[in-house]
Amino acid sequence: MSFNDVLGWVASLVLIATIVNQIRKQIRDRTSQGVSIYLFAGQIFSSLGLAVYSYNLGNWVFTVLNLVLLLTNITGFYFTKKFKDEGKRE
């Protein structure tokens, strides 16, 4: 594995960890205050497009990264919508 591969994987893990931490905080606090649903919607489409692009280039670091980001962004979208809907009912 080359230095660039290691750098790509480490950077990918840091990016995933920051998004997972944000989603974990939303779930723990049961709020989406200050989080736009459009943030996750845009990231879903971007991650999907970039995953296909990376796959077509044969770049597995970014293919895996963008597929994992796609899953975390779908999760973030779900909880953001859920907590915003719960807030409207209160």
Protein backbone atom coordinates (compact mmCIF):
# COMPACT_ATOMS: atom_id res chain seq x y z
CA MET A 1 0.00 0.00 0.00
CA SER A 2 1.45 3.34 -1.02
CA PHE A 3 1.74 6.48 1.09
CA ASN A 4 -1.08 8.06 -0.94
CA ASP A 5 -3.35 5.08 -0.23
CA VAL A 6 -2.65 5.33 3.50
CA LEU A 7 -3.23 9.08 3.41
CA GLY A 8 -6.52 8.56 1.58
CA TRP A 9 -7.74 5.92 4.03
CA VAL A 10 -6.77 7.98 7.09
CA ALA A 11 -8.44 11.11 5.71
CA SER A 12 -11.52 9.04 4.86
CA LEU A 13 -11.74 7.65 8.39
CA VAL A 14 -11.45 11.14 9.89
CA LEU A 15 -14.23 12.45 7.63
CA ILE A 16 -16.51 9.51 8.43
CA ALA A 17 -15.82 9.87 12.17
CA THR A 18 -16.84 13.54 12.14
CA ILE A 19 -20.14 12.82 10.40
CA VAL A 20 -20.88 9.80 12.61
CA ASN A 21 -20.16 11.94 15.68
CA GLN A 22 -22.64 14.61 14.49
CA ILE A 23 -25.34 11.99 13.92
CA ARG A 24 -24.60 10.37 17.31
CA LYS A 25 -24.99 13.78 18.97
CA GLN A 26 -28.34 14.32 17.24
CA ILE A 27 -29.58 10.92 18.39
CA ARG A 28 -28.33 11.43 21.95
CA ASP A 29 -29.85 14.91 22.28
CA ARG A 30 -32.94 13.97 20.22
CA THR A 31 -32.74 17.24 18.34
CA SER A 32 -31.79 18.50 14.92
CA GLN A 33 -31.56 22.12 15.97
CA GLY A 34 -29.16 23.98 13.74
CA VAL A 35 -28.92 21.13 11.22
CA SER A 36 -30.45 21.63 7.78
CA ILE A 37 -32.12 18.65 6.16
CA TYR A 38 -30.79 20.00 2.86
CA LEU A 39 -27.25 19.41 4.12
CA PHE A 40 -27.84 15.66 4.23
CA ALA A 41 -29.96 15.65 1.05
CA GLY A 42 -27.16 17.34 -0.89
CA GLN A 43 -24.56 15.03 0.59
CA ILE A 44 -26.62 11.96 -0.35
CA PHE A 45 -26.66 12.93 -4.03
CA SER A 46 -23.01 14.02 -3.95
CA SER A 47 -21.84 10.81 -2.28
CA LEU A 48 -23.77 8.68 -4.76
CA GLY A 49 -22.36 10.55 -7.74
CA LEU A 50 -18.82 10.51 -6.37
CA ALA A 51 -19.06 6.79 -5.54
CA VAL A 52 -19.98 5.99 -9.15
CA TYR A 53 -17.27 8.34 -10.42
CA SER A 54 -14.63 6.79 -8.13
CA TYR A 55 -15.69 3.27 -9.09
CA ASN A 56 -15.41 4.13 -12.79
CA LEU A 57 -11.87 5.41 -12.15
CA GLY A 58 -10.98 2.26 -10.22
CA ASN A 59 -10.19 4.25 -7.06
CA TRP A 60 -11.24 1.96 -4.21
CA VAL A 61 -10.33 4.40 -1.43
CA PHE A 62 -12.85 6.95 -2.63
CA THR A 63 -15.39 4.37 -3.78
CA VAL A 64 -15.55 2.90 -0.27
CA LEU A 65 -15.43 6.36 1.34
CA ASN A 66 -18.34 7.65 -0.70
CA LEU A 67 -20.44 4.53 -0.17
CA VAL A 68 -19.92 4.78 3.60
CA LEU A 69 -20.68 8.50 3.44
CA LEU A 70 -23.84 7.69 1.49
CA LEU A 71 -25.01 5.39 4.30
CA THR A 72 -24.13 7.88 7.05
CA ASN A 73 -25.84 10.71 5.18
CA ILE A 74 -29.00 8.63 4.70
CA THR A 75 -28.92 7.97 8.45
CA GLY A 76 -28.37 11.67 9.18
CA PHE A 77 -31.21 12.64 6.85
CA TYR A 78 -33.55 10.18 8.56
CA PHE A 79 -32.83 11.42 12.09
CA THR A 80 -32.82 15.09 11.09
CA LYS A 81 -36.24 14.68 9.50
CA LYS A 82 -37.54 12.59 12.41
CA PHE A 83 -36.48 15.08 15.08
CA LYS A 84 -37.71 18.09 13.09
CA ASP A 85 -41.10 16.37 12.65
CA GLU A 86 -41.23 15.55 16.38
CA GLY A 87 -40.45 19.19 17.18
CA LYS A 88 -43.38 20.37 15.05
CA ARG A 89 -45.81 18.12 16.94
CA GLU A 90 -44.84 19.49 20.35
